[in-house]
Amino acid sequence: MTDFTDDDRAEGEGVEGTQEDPPTYRSGRVRIIGAEPAGDSVREVTGPVVEQHPDLPHWNDAPTGQVPSVLDRTTGEEPLMAPPTWREEENDWEAQEEMFEPSMLSDDLPAVGALINDNNEEVDMERQPWHFEADELLGNDETLIIEPERPPAPEPAPGPEVPGEEFLPSAAPTVAASRLTPPGPPPPRAARSPRTSRSGGMGSRTANAGTAGTGGRNMRLAVGSGLLLGVAALACFAAGPVPSMVIVTIVVLLATAEAYAAFRRAQYHPATLLGLVAVLSLMIETYNKGVVALPLVVVLLVAGTFLWFLLRVEPDAEPVAGLVSTVFVFAWVGGFGSFSALLLNPTLFPFRHGVAFMLAAVITTVAYDVAALLVGSAMGKHPLAPSISPNKTWEGFVGGALAAILVAVVVVHFIHPWTVSKALIYGVVVAVVAPLGDLSQSMMKRHLGLKDMGRLLPGHGGILDRVDGLLFVLPATYFVVKALHLG
């Protein structure tokens, strides 16, 4: 194939039969193959290539040298507003005072963001803006109190004029707003609810030692009634087992009646009559027959209580609550109290030994109660069981325990057949079980919402309030006597 040069190709264009390369596009600089225009003819482009640029935004224009009036300080013309200038001192503002609003330079209003008090006065203080405390905000010792909205009080009806007195109009209604009141003495605490347990036992925590531990009671009356009851008990114990049995039976029956009455006030509806009959039967049969009387009396009581509610003696009573409360009070007061009859049983403990055991139980329990009350009232600070009885303290417990042990060693060992070593062991046992009885009764009173189980004993409350610890000491005394072979 013949090779043509560019000149030969130019001369041979348009000649038929001449073999040549495919037509090309000639730009004058570069020969581009395959970029030929449409059609058979080839167009030659000559001349310089012109580059085209897109239009740019106006901010890309070249600087003109003009300065905005707010920054112009060379033309001498008055600017529309004061140029940005660092101002720190007062004379810096006076230089261009006419450029600002007069209220902006006035000292009458507080600065923007400043803290102000209720008198619309600025509070000069340094604080962190993310902290908010009422005292810091006010800048004084006043406290912020928000009172709820109250309805307006009705105006009092006009009455007769009394010399020396004026009828003042009713106070204006208080609106819901933040009111500033100066601090005063704290309001007095509300009176304790009826659920508050009596003082005593393990002592009371109060600020005034003169009335601490009294629980608002008349202590002279309480001491007097306690001494009378103690003298009556000692006289019966000195008379022998039968008079002792009479007085302990009366005490147990009265305590049982108080417990049933308390449960009735709490809407439990126990079968009180059946319970009292069962307790009396248990005391008598225990004194005569011993421990074999307990199962029989319990079975008869439960069966009789079922019959009581089946016959609907009390139509409005709830059977389960009535049955449970009847049996519980019988077991708690009657069952524990029947150990006094068991100790006085002449068959089990002849030669008046039972009276000696009962006397030891009464003396050590009374010593614990009195010492716990006095020590707890004088120095009680640490609560023993705040959820059950807030007035009882560890100091009162320790004082009562030491007193029970001391009285058992010093006094009880003189009562035959007690000895010093056995009296010491017995004192430790009383120091443990007496507070359990006291706390248990306090728990029941708190549940029932009562302060006292009764009001039979002036200054003390009820019988059950005084023998709550003794009820736990009686079974412990019986088992200690058996374990030490004193009977």
Protein backbone atom coordinates (compact mmCIF):
# COMPACT_ATOMS: atom_id res chain seq x y z
CA MET A 1 0.00 0.00 0.00
CA THR A 2 1.33 3.41 -0.98
CA ASP A 3 2.11 5.81 1.84
CA PHE A 4 1.14 9.45 1.31
CA THR A 5 2.53 12.45 3.01
CA ASP A 6 0.40 15.34 4.21
CA ASP A 7 1.22 17.42 1.12
CA ASP A 8 0.55 14.60 -1.29
CA ARG A 9 -2.71 13.93 0.52
CA ALA A 10 -3.70 17.56 0.06
CA GLU A 11 -2.96 17.44 -3.64
CA GLY A 12 -4.72 14.17 -4.21
CA GLU A 13 -7.92 15.03 -2.41
CA GLY A 14 -10.96 14.54 -4.48
CA VAL A 15 -9.25 12.28 -7.10
CA GLU A 16 -11.13 9.15 -7.86
CA GLY A 17 -9.41 5.86 -7.39
CA THR A 18 -6.68 7.29 -5.24
CA GLN A 19 -6.10 5.24 -2.12
CA GLU A 20 -5.68 7.41 1.00
CA ASP A 21 -5.98 7.22 4.77
CA PRO A 22 -9.29 7.93 6.42
CA PRO A 23 -10.08 11.61 6.59
CA THR A 24 -8.71 13.37 9.69
CA TYR A 25 -9.55 16.53 11.63
CA ARG A 26 -6.84 19.19 11.36
CA SER A 27 -6.71 21.84 14.08
CA GLY A 28 -3.42 23.30 13.10
CA ARG A 29 -1.61 21.84 16.09
CA VAL A 30 -2.59 18.30 16.83
CA ARG A 31 -3.87 15.68 14.54
CA ILE A 32 -6.81 13.94 16.14
CA ILE A 33 -7.88 10.69 14.58
CA GLY A 34 -11.59 9.83 14.71
CA ALA A 35 -12.74 13.37 15.56
CA GLU A 36 -13.78 14.31 12.07
CA PRO A 37 -17.02 16.27 11.55
CA ALA A 38 -20.05 14.68 9.92
CA GLY A 39 -20.19 14.60 6.16
CA ASP A 40 -17.75 13.77 3.47
CA SER A 41 -15.88 17.04 3.47
CA VAL A 42 -13.18 17.79 6.01
CA ARG A 43 -13.17 21.25 7.63
CA GLU A 44 -9.93 22.70 8.74
CA VAL A 45 -10.04 24.89 11.83
CA THR A 46 -7.41 27.56 12.06
CA GLY A 47 -6.66 30.33 14.56
CA PRO A 48 -5.96 30.44 18.31
CA VAL A 49 -7.99 28.44 20.83
CA VAL A 50 -10.03 30.72 23.22
CA GLU A 51 -10.58 29.47 26.78
CA GLN A 52 -13.96 30.34 28.40
CA HIS A 53 -14.41 30.78 32.22
CA PRO A 54 -17.73 30.66 34.20
CA ASP A 55 -19.08 33.75 35.96
CA LEU A 56 -18.01 33.94 39.65
CA PRO A 57 -20.05 35.41 42.57
CA HIS A 58 -19.61 39.07 43.39
CA TRP A 59 -17.57 38.43 46.51
CA ASN A 60 -14.79 37.15 44.27
CA ASP A 61 -14.41 40.57 42.71
CA ALA A 62 -11.15 42.41 43.19
CA PRO A 63 -11.06 44.77 46.25
CA THR A 64 -12.17 48.32 45.49
CA GLY A 65 -10.51 50.00 48.48
CA GLN A 66 -13.83 51.26 49.91
CA VAL A 67 -14.40 50.96 53.70
CA PRO A 68 -17.87 50.71 55.37
CA SER A 69 -18.90 53.77 57.29
CA VAL A 70 -18.94 51.90 60.57
CA LEU A 71 -15.18 51.39 60.19
CA ASP A 72 -14.31 54.66 58.45
CA ARG A 73 -12.23 56.84 60.73
CA THR A 74 -10.43 58.89 58.07
CA THR A 75 -13.18 60.71 56.13
CA GLY A 76 -14.26 62.85 59.04
CA GLU A 77 -17.91 62.15 58.37
CA GLU A 78 -20.15 61.14 61.29
CA PRO A 79 -20.72 57.39 61.11
CA LEU A 80 -24.16 55.88 61.33
CA MET A 81 -23.21 54.07 64.55
CA ALA A 82 -20.26 53.92 66.86
CA PRO A 83 -17.43 51.81 65.53
CA PRO A 84 -16.43 48.74 67.55
CA THR A 85 -14.06 49.97 70.23
CA TRP A 86 -12.83 48.41 73.46
CA ARG A 87 -14.56 50.16 76.35
CA GLU A 88 -13.67 49.34 79.93
CA GLU A 89 -13.65 52.55 81.92
CA GLU A 90 -16.48 55.04 82.32
CA ASN A 91 -14.75 57.73 80.22
CA ASP A 92 -14.61 55.30 77.30
CA TRP A 93 -18.40 55.48 77.12
CA GLU A 94 -18.59 59.24 77.61
CA ALA A 95 -16.47 59.86 74.50
CA GLN A 96 -19.34 58.76 72.24
CA GLU A 97 -22.26 59.10 74.61
CA GLU A 98 -24.52 60.60 71.93
CA MET A 99 -24.32 57.37 69.93
CA PHE A 100 -26.13 55.28 72.57
CA GLU A 101 -29.58 55.17 74.04
CA PRO A 102 -29.56 57.14 77.33
CA SER A 103 -31.20 54.25 79.22
CA MET A 104 -28.28 52.01 78.28
CA LEU A 105 -25.88 54.24 80.21
CA SER A 106 -28.20 54.85 83.16
CA ASP A 107 -27.41 53.40 86.57
CA ASP A 108 -31.06 53.15 87.55
CA LEU A 109 -31.59 49.67 86.12
CA PRO A 110 -29.52 46.62 87.06
CA ALA A 111 -27.16 45.16 84.54
CA VAL A 112 -28.43 42.51 82.20
CA GLY A 113 -28.20 39.09 83.85
CA ALA A 114 -27.59 40.53 87.33
CA LEU A 115 -29.17 39.00 90.42
CA ILE A 116 -31.81 41.14 92.09
CA ASN A 117 -33.66 40.76 95.36
CA ASP A 118 -37.26 41.43 96.23
CA ASN A 119 -36.63 45.22 96.35
CA ASN A 120 -35.45 45.23 92.73
CA GLU A 121 -31.91 45.91 93.91
CA GLU A 122 -28.88 44.35 92.34
CA VAL A 123 -27.07 41.82 94.48
CA ASP A 124 -23.31 42.22 94.27
CA MET A 125 -22.03 38.70 94.58
CA GLU A 126 -19.84 36.28 92.73
CA ARG A 127 -21.44 32.91 92.05
CA GLN A 128 -21.51 30.21 89.47
CA PRO A 129 -24.49 30.72 87.13
CA TRP A 130 -25.29 27.01 87.01
CA HIS A 131 -25.82 26.88 90.77
CA PHE A 132 -29.14 28.02 92.21
CA GLU A 133 -29.74 28.41 95.90
CA ALA A 134 -32.46 30.50 97.45
CA ASP A 135 -30.23 31.97 100.15
CA GLU A 136 -27.57 33.10 97.67
CA LEU A 137 -30.18 34.52 95.33
CA LEU A 138 -31.74 36.63 98.04
CA GLY A 139 -28.43 37.76 99.49
CA ASN A 140 -29.74 37.70 103.07
CA ASP A 141 -30.86 35.27 105.75
CA GLU A 142 -34.44 35.05 104.57
CA THR A 143 -35.87 31.80 103.33
CA LEU A 144 -38.14 31.19 100.39
CA ILE A 145 -41.53 29.71 101.30
CA ILE A 146 -44.11 28.83 98.69
CA GLU A 147 -47.59 28.67 100.09
CA PRO A 148 -50.47 26.96 98.31
CA GLU A 149 -53.43 28.95 97.23
CA ARG A 150 -56.08 29.18 99.90
CA PRO A 151 -59.72 30.14 99.56
CA PRO A 152 -60.64 33.46 101.12
CA ALA A 153 -61.70 33.17 104.73
CA PRO A 154 -65.30 34.14 105.42
CA GLU A 155 -65.78 37.38 107.25
CA PRO A 156 -66.85 36.90 110.88
CA ALA A 157 -70.37 37.81 111.79
CA PRO A 158 -70.64 41.04 113.74
CA GLY A 159 -70.96 40.47 117.45
CA PRO A 160 -71.46 42.56 120.52
CA GLU A 161 -68.72 44.99 121.36
CA VAL A 162 -66.73 44.07 124.43
CA PRO A 163 -64.86 46.81 126.26
CA GLY A 164 -61.15 46.53 125.82
CA GLU A 165 -61.41 44.23 122.81
CA GLU A 166 -61.64 44.86 119.10
CA PHE A 167 -62.99 42.57 116.45
CA LEU A 168 -60.30 42.38 113.83
CA PRO A 169 -61.29 41.62 110.22
CA SER A 170 -60.34 38.32 108.81
CA ALA A 171 -56.96 38.00 107.22
CA ALA A 172 -56.71 38.59 103.52
CA PRO A 173 -56.55 35.48 101.38
CA THR A 174 -53.12 34.26 100.55
CA VAL A 175 -52.37 33.86 96.87
CA ALA A 176 -50.09 31.26 95.40
CA ALA A 177 -46.76 33.07 95.20
CA SER A 178 -43.27 33.03 96.58
CA ARG A 179 -43.35 34.81 99.92
CA LEU A 180 -40.28 35.81 101.84
CA THR A 181 -40.53 35.27 105.57
CA PRO A 182 -37.76 35.75 108.09
CA PRO A 183 -36.61 32.58 109.81
CA GLY A 184 -38.11 31.87 113.19
CA PRO A 185 -38.18 29.03 115.67
CA PRO A 186 -39.15 25.70 114.09
CA PRO A 187 -42.80 24.76 114.43
CA PRO A 188 -43.56 22.37 117.28
CA ARG A 189 -43.65 18.74 116.40
CA ALA A 190 -47.01 17.12 116.09
CA ALA A 191 -48.16 14.93 118.92
CA ARG A 192 -47.31 11.29 118.59
CA SER A 193 -49.93 9.04 117.11
CA PRO A 194 -51.68 6.45 119.27
CA ARG A 195 -49.35 3.86 117.81
CA THR A 196 -46.47 5.20 119.90
CA SER A 197 -45.55 2.62 122.49
CA ARG A 198 -45.39 3.45 126.15
CA SER A 199 -42.19 4.61 127.74
CA GLY A 200 -40.47 2.24 130.06
CA GLY A 201 -39.01 -1.15 129.56
CA MET A 202 -35.84 -0.11 127.78
CA GLY A 203 -35.92 3.60 128.43
CA SER A 204 -36.95 6.67 126.52
CA ARG A 205 -35.02 9.11 124.29
CA THR A 206 -36.09 12.63 125.13
CA ALA A 207 -34.30 15.93 125.45
CA ASN A 208 -35.64 16.99 128.81
CA ALA A 209 -34.27 14.75 131.52
CA GLY A 210 -36.85 15.97 133.99
CA THR A 211 -39.73 14.41 132.07
CA ALA A 212 -37.83 11.90 129.94
CA GLY A 213 -39.22 8.45 129.85
CA THR A 214 -42.51 9.43 131.47
CA GLY A 215 -44.41 9.43 128.19
CA GLY A 216 -46.61 12.22 129.51
CA ARG A 217 -47.68 10.14 132.54
CA ASN A 218 -48.16 11.25 136.12
CA MET A 219 -45.10 9.66 137.70
CA ARG A 220 -46.27 10.19 141.27
CA LEU A 221 -49.52 8.42 140.50
CA ALA A 222 -47.65 5.66 138.67
CA VAL A 223 -45.25 5.09 141.57
CA GLY A 224 -48.11 5.08 144.07
CA SER A 225 -50.22 2.57 142.17
CA GLY A 226 -47.18 0.39 141.55
CA LEU A 227 -46.31 0.30 145.24
CA LEU A 228 -49.89 -0.65 146.18
CA LEU A 229 -49.91 -3.47 143.64
CA GLY A 230 -46.52 -4.69 144.88
CA VAL A 231 -47.62 -4.68 148.52
CA ALA A 232 -50.76 -6.67 147.63
CA ALA A 233 -48.69 -9.23 145.70
CA LEU A 234 -46.15 -9.63 148.51
CA ALA A 235 -48.95 -10.13 151.03
CA CYS A 236 -50.49 -12.89 148.90
CA PHE A 237 -47.12 -14.57 148.37
CA ALA A 238 -46.48 -14.51 152.09
CA ALA A 239 -49.90 -16.08 152.76
CA GLY A 240 -49.09 -19.20 150.73
CA PRO A 241 -49.75 -20.89 147.38
CA VAL A 242 -53.55 -20.57 147.38
CA PRO A 243 -53.72 -16.76 147.92
CA SER A 244 -50.86 -16.41 145.41
CA MET A 245 -52.86 -18.48 142.92
CA VAL A 246 -55.88 -16.24 143.42
CA ILE A 247 -54.04 -12.99 142.70
CA VAL A 248 -52.12 -14.35 139.68
CA THR A 249 -55.37 -15.71 138.20
CA ILE A 250 -57.06 -12.33 138.58
CA VAL A 251 -54.10 -10.58 136.94
CA VAL A 252 -54.01 -13.01 134.01
CA LEU A 253 -57.77 -12.73 133.45
CA LEU A 254 -57.66 -8.93 133.47
CA ALA A 255 -54.72 -8.90 131.05
CA THR A 256 -56.58 -11.29 128.75
CA ALA A 257 -59.68 -9.13 128.81
CA GLU A 258 -57.60 -6.06 127.89
CA ALA A 259 -56.03 -7.91 124.95
CA TYR A 260 -59.40 -9.07 123.64
CA ALA A 261 -60.80 -5.55 123.98
CA ALA A 262 -57.83 -4.15 122.03
CA PHE A 263 -58.39 -6.62 119.20
CA ARG A 264 -62.08 -5.77 119.16
CA ARG A 265 -61.26 -2.09 118.76
CA ALA A 266 -59.17 -3.10 115.76
CA GLN A 267 -62.24 -4.85 114.22
CA TYR A 268 -60.98 -8.43 114.67
CA HIS A 269 -64.11 -9.56 116.60
CA PRO A 270 -62.65 -12.36 118.75
CA ALA A 271 -64.92 -14.64 120.79
CA THR A 272 -64.10 -12.87 124.03
CA LEU A 273 -66.39 -14.90 126.28
CA LEU A 274 -64.98 -18.23 125.08
CA GLY A 275 -61.43 -16.95 125.47
CA LEU A 276 -61.91 -15.77 129.04
CA VAL A 277 -63.56 -19.06 130.02
CA ALA A 278 -60.71 -20.98 128.42
CA VAL A 279 -58.06 -18.92 130.26
CA LEU A 280 -59.79 -19.38 133.61
CA SER A 281 -60.11 -23.12 133.00
CA LEU A 282 -56.46 -23.35 131.99
CA MET A 283 -55.27 -21.58 135.15
CA ILE A 284 -57.34 -23.78 137.47
CA GLU A 285 -56.55 -27.08 135.74
CA THR A 286 -52.85 -26.27 135.45
CA TYR A 287 -52.70 -25.61 139.19
CA ASN A 288 -54.47 -28.94 139.87
CA LYS A 289 -53.33 -31.25 137.06
CA GLY A 290 -50.15 -29.70 135.69
CA VAL A 291 -49.17 -29.49 132.03
CA VAL A 292 -51.66 -32.17 130.93
CA ALA A 293 -54.45 -29.57 131.12
CA LEU A 294 -53.09 -27.48 128.27
CA PRO A 295 -53.89 -29.79 125.27
CA LEU A 296 -57.45 -30.40 126.47
CA VAL A 297 -58.23 -26.71 126.97
CA VAL A 298 -56.74 -25.77 123.59
CA VAL A 299 -58.83 -28.37 121.73
CA LEU A 300 -62.02 -27.30 123.49
CA LEU A 301 -61.34 -23.63 122.76
CA VAL A 302 -60.71 -24.16 119.04
CA ALA A 303 -63.79 -26.36 118.65
CA GLY A 304 -65.95 -23.90 120.58
CA THR A 305 -64.67 -20.97 118.48
CA PHE A 306 -65.56 -22.79 115.25
CA LEU A 307 -69.06 -23.39 116.63
CA TRP A 308 -69.26 -19.74 117.71
CA PHE A 309 -68.83 -18.50 114.15
CA LEU A 310 -70.84 -21.32 112.56
CA LEU A 311 -73.84 -20.29 114.63
CA ARG A 312 -73.14 -16.66 113.68
CA VAL A 313 -73.27 -15.38 117.22
CA GLU A 314 -71.79 -12.21 115.73
CA PRO A 315 -73.30 -11.91 112.25
CA ASP A 316 -70.95 -9.16 111.07
CA ALA A 317 -67.75 -10.85 112.31
CA GLU A 318 -65.21 -12.25 109.83
CA PRO A 319 -64.65 -15.90 110.81
CA VAL A 320 -60.94 -16.22 110.05
CA ALA A 321 -59.94 -13.00 111.82
CA GLY A 322 -62.16 -13.84 114.78
CA LEU A 323 -60.85 -17.39 115.12
CA VAL A 324 -57.19 -16.40 114.81
CA SER A 325 -57.46 -13.50 117.28
CA THR A 326 -59.32 -15.67 119.81
CA VAL A 327 -56.72 -18.43 119.80
CA PHE A 328 -53.77 -16.01 119.61
CA VAL A 329 -54.74 -14.00 122.71
CA PHE A 330 -55.44 -17.23 124.60
CA ALA A 331 -52.00 -18.62 123.71
CA TRP A 332 -50.17 -15.33 124.31
CA VAL A 333 -51.65 -14.16 127.62
CA GLY A 334 -53.36 -17.27 128.94
CA GLY A 335 -50.77 -19.80 127.80
CA PHE A 336 -47.75 -17.83 129.01
CA GLY A 337 -49.56 -16.77 132.17
CA SER A 338 -50.53 -20.37 133.02
CA PHE A 339 -46.88 -21.03 133.91
CA SER A 340 -47.50 -19.01 137.07
CA ALA A 341 -50.12 -21.61 138.09
CA LEU A 342 -47.67 -24.31 137.10
CA LEU A 343 -44.99 -22.84 139.39
CA LEU A 344 -47.44 -22.58 142.25
CA ASN A 345 -48.60 -26.19 141.82
CA PRO A 346 -47.99 -27.83 145.26
CA THR A 347 -47.63 -31.25 143.67
CA LEU A 348 -44.74 -30.18 141.45
CA PHE A 349 -43.07 -27.80 143.90
CA PRO A 350 -43.93 -28.58 147.53
CA PHE A 351 -42.72 -26.75 150.65
CA ARG A 352 -43.69 -23.38 149.20
CA HIS A 353 -40.86 -23.59 146.70
CA GLY A 354 -43.28 -22.48 143.99
CA VAL A 355 -43.90 -19.23 145.85
CA ALA A 356 -40.12 -18.64 146.00
CA PHE A 357 -39.88 -19.12 142.23
CA MET A 358 -42.79 -16.76 141.55
CA LEU A 359 -41.33 -14.18 143.88
CA ALA A 360 -37.96 -14.38 142.10
CA ALA A 361 -39.66 -13.85 138.72
CA VAL A 362 -41.57 -10.79 139.93
CA ILE A 363 -38.59 -9.17 141.69
CA THR A 364 -36.11 -9.51 138.82
CA THR A 365 -38.65 -8.39 136.19
CA VAL A 366 -39.60 -5.29 138.18
CA ALA A 367 -35.90 -4.50 138.70
CA TYR A 368 -35.33 -4.72 134.95
CA ASP A 369 -38.29 -2.47 134.09
CA VAL A 370 -37.46 0.24 136.63
CA ALA A 371 -33.74 0.36 135.81
CA ALA A 372 -34.36 0.38 132.07
CA LEU A 373 -36.77 3.30 132.47
CA LEU A 374 -34.43 5.35 134.64
CA VAL A 375 -31.21 4.69 132.69
CA GLY A 376 -32.89 5.13 129.32
CA SER A 377 -34.47 8.42 130.44
CA ALA A 378 -31.18 9.76 131.78
CA MET A 379 -28.73 8.78 129.04
CA GLY A 380 -30.62 6.97 126.29
CA LYS A 381 -29.37 8.06 122.85
CA HIS A 382 -29.17 4.97 120.64
CA PRO A 383 -32.56 3.46 119.66
CA LEU A 384 -32.90 -0.26 120.14
CA ALA A 385 -35.79 -0.96 117.76
CA PRO A 386 -36.96 2.32 116.19
CA SER A 387 -39.45 0.65 113.86
CA ILE A 388 -41.17 -1.12 116.78
CA SER A 389 -40.73 1.17 119.78
CA PRO A 390 -38.83 4.42 119.14
CA ASN A 391 -38.52 5.19 122.86
CA LYS A 392 -36.48 2.12 123.78
CA THR A 393 -32.72 2.53 123.74
CA TRP A 394 -29.63 0.37 124.04
CA GLU A 395 -28.62 2.29 127.14
CA GLY A 396 -31.91 1.39 128.81
CA PHE A 397 -31.52 -2.24 127.78
CA VAL A 398 -28.01 -2.48 129.25
CA GLY A 399 -29.07 -0.72 132.44
CA GLY A 400 -32.07 -3.00 132.90
CA ALA A 401 -30.03 -6.15 132.20
CA LEU A 402 -27.36 -5.21 134.73
CA ALA A 403 -30.03 -4.41 137.31
CA ALA A 404 -31.77 -7.77 136.78
CA ILE A 405 -28.51 -9.67 137.23
CA LEU A 406 -27.49 -7.61 140.26
CA VAL A 407 -30.85 -8.01 142.02
CA ALA A 408 -30.88 -11.73 141.27
CA VAL A 409 -27.45 -12.19 142.87
CA VAL A 410 -27.95 -9.82 145.80
CA VAL A 411 -31.61 -10.44 146.68
CA VAL A 412 -32.94 -13.63 145.10
CA HIS A 413 -30.21 -15.90 146.45
CA PHE A 414 -31.54 -15.24 149.97
CA ILE A 415 -34.85 -16.87 149.01
CA HIS A 416 -34.69 -20.61 149.56
CA PRO A 417 -33.92 -22.76 147.55
CA TRP A 418 -31.99 -20.26 145.38
CA THR A 419 -28.19 -20.06 145.60
CA VAL A 420 -25.75 -17.40 144.40
CA SER A 421 -24.57 -19.30 141.31
CA LYS A 422 -28.07 -20.36 140.28
CA ALA A 423 -29.42 -16.89 140.94
CA LEU A 424 -26.69 -15.47 138.67
CA ILE A 425 -27.71 -17.80 135.84
CA TYR A 426 -31.34 -16.91 136.39
CA GLY A 427 -30.57 -13.18 136.30
CA VAL A 428 -28.88 -13.54 132.89
CA VAL A 429 -31.91 -15.41 131.54
CA VAL A 430 -34.29 -12.71 132.78
CA ALA A 431 -32.08 -10.01 131.23
CA VAL A 432 -32.57 -11.68 127.84
CA VAL A 433 -36.25 -12.70 127.84
CA ALA A 434 -37.78 -9.67 129.63
CA PRO A 435 -36.98 -7.21 126.79
CA LEU A 436 -38.36 -9.75 124.30
CA GLY A 437 -41.72 -9.66 126.07
CA ASP A 438 -41.64 -5.87 126.19
CA LEU A 439 -40.82 -5.53 122.49
CA SER A 440 -43.41 -8.13 121.50
CA GLN A 441 -46.17 -6.25 123.26
CA SER A 442 -44.99 -2.96 121.73
CA MET A 443 -45.17 -4.55 118.30
CA MET A 444 -48.75 -5.65 118.91
CA LYS A 445 -49.78 -2.20 120.16
CA ARG A 446 -48.21 -0.55 117.12
CA HIS A 447 -50.08 -2.92 114.83
CA LEU A 448 -53.38 -2.26 116.62
CA GLY A 449 -52.75 1.51 116.73
CA LEU A 450 -52.83 1.80 120.54
CA LYS A 451 -50.72 3.58 123.11
CA ASP A 452 -51.86 1.43 126.03
CA MET A 453 -53.72 -1.84 126.19
CA GLY A 454 -55.96 -0.49 128.96
CA ARG A 455 -56.43 2.14 131.66
CA LEU A 456 -56.94 0.02 134.74
CA LEU A 457 -53.69 1.02 136.48
CA PRO A 458 -53.40 4.79 137.07
CA GLY A 459 -50.17 6.12 135.61
CA HIS A 460 -49.28 2.79 133.98
CA GLY A 461 -52.02 2.08 131.48
CA GLY A 462 -53.36 -1.45 131.63
CA ILE A 463 -52.45 -4.62 133.47
CA LEU A 464 -50.98 -6.08 130.29
CA ASP A 465 -48.73 -3.05 129.92
CA ARG A 466 -47.11 -3.92 133.26
CA VAL A 467 -46.84 -7.71 132.93
CA ASP A 468 -45.74 -7.92 129.26
CA GLY A 469 -42.16 -8.79 130.24
CA LEU A 470 -43.28 -11.02 133.10
CA LEU A 471 -45.32 -13.17 130.68
CA PHE A 472 -42.06 -14.19 128.97
CA VAL A 473 -40.17 -14.54 132.25
CA LEU A 474 -42.64 -17.06 133.71
CA PRO A 475 -41.99 -19.88 131.17
CA ALA A 476 -38.25 -19.13 131.36
CA THR A 477 -38.39 -19.44 135.16
CA TYR A 478 -40.10 -22.82 134.96
CA PHE A 479 -37.55 -24.26 132.54
CA VAL A 480 -34.58 -22.79 134.48
CA VAL A 481 -35.90 -24.38 137.67
CA LYS A 482 -36.24 -27.71 135.89
CA ALA A 483 -32.80 -27.42 134.29
CA LEU A 484 -31.09 -26.49 137.59
CA HIS A 485 -33.02 -29.14 139.55
CA LEU A 486 -34.33 -26.64 142.07
CA GLY A 487 -37.78 -28.21 142.40
